[in-house]
Amino acid sequence: MTLVVLDLGSNIDREESLVGALERLSEYFKLSRASSVYRTTPVGTANQPDFFNISLEVETDKSIDEIRDVARKIEDEMGRDRTGPKYGPRNIDIDIVLYGDTVSDEKKVPHPQSTQELFVVAPVAELLPSGTHPQTGQAWKDLRGELMNGRSGKDAGIVRQCGVSELPLGPKAKQALS
């Protein structure tokens, strides 16, 4: 079994979309742990609602490509619109942040934004407080500190919204994450 970290993001029907994605992911993977839900400022395209982001640790025997296929299937089932701007509004986005300690530019693992954007780094730093980035060797908490650069909360574009247990999870996800 490989430990995988997924990043889920939504800025359309945020809570409902995250809950729906967690429920669907629990049908394909053993959900281990989840970070808090973070409210984050959109990157790349202005004039859209803030995102809710969460990192999720799962255990699986699936390959990177199989995980990506599952993520895309779930996004499509949930009505993800891929015709808009790359960084435009979306009801759900599921990305592979980490696949064990694998480093592969071809497979985009770790996720290319995993050292650059707080919406990825902060939830992972919470999930893996003593973990290190497999490519840079930096501690996740140090990466978070560098990106925060003396800013806090809303000034940094990120605020902890709630714990995952505060979401109205269905029975599958609730059982998997308890």
Foldseek 3Di string as FASTA:
>chain_A
DWKWKKKKKAQPVALVLVQLVLLLVLVPWQWEAKFFWKFFDFPDDPDGHTMTMMMTITDDPDDLVVVVVSQVVSQVVVPFDPPDDPRDHTGMDMGTQATHLDDDPVSCPNPPCCLPDCSNLVNVCRVCVQDARSPPRHRSVVSNCVQCVPPDDVVSRMDRDGGPVPRPHDPSSVVSHD
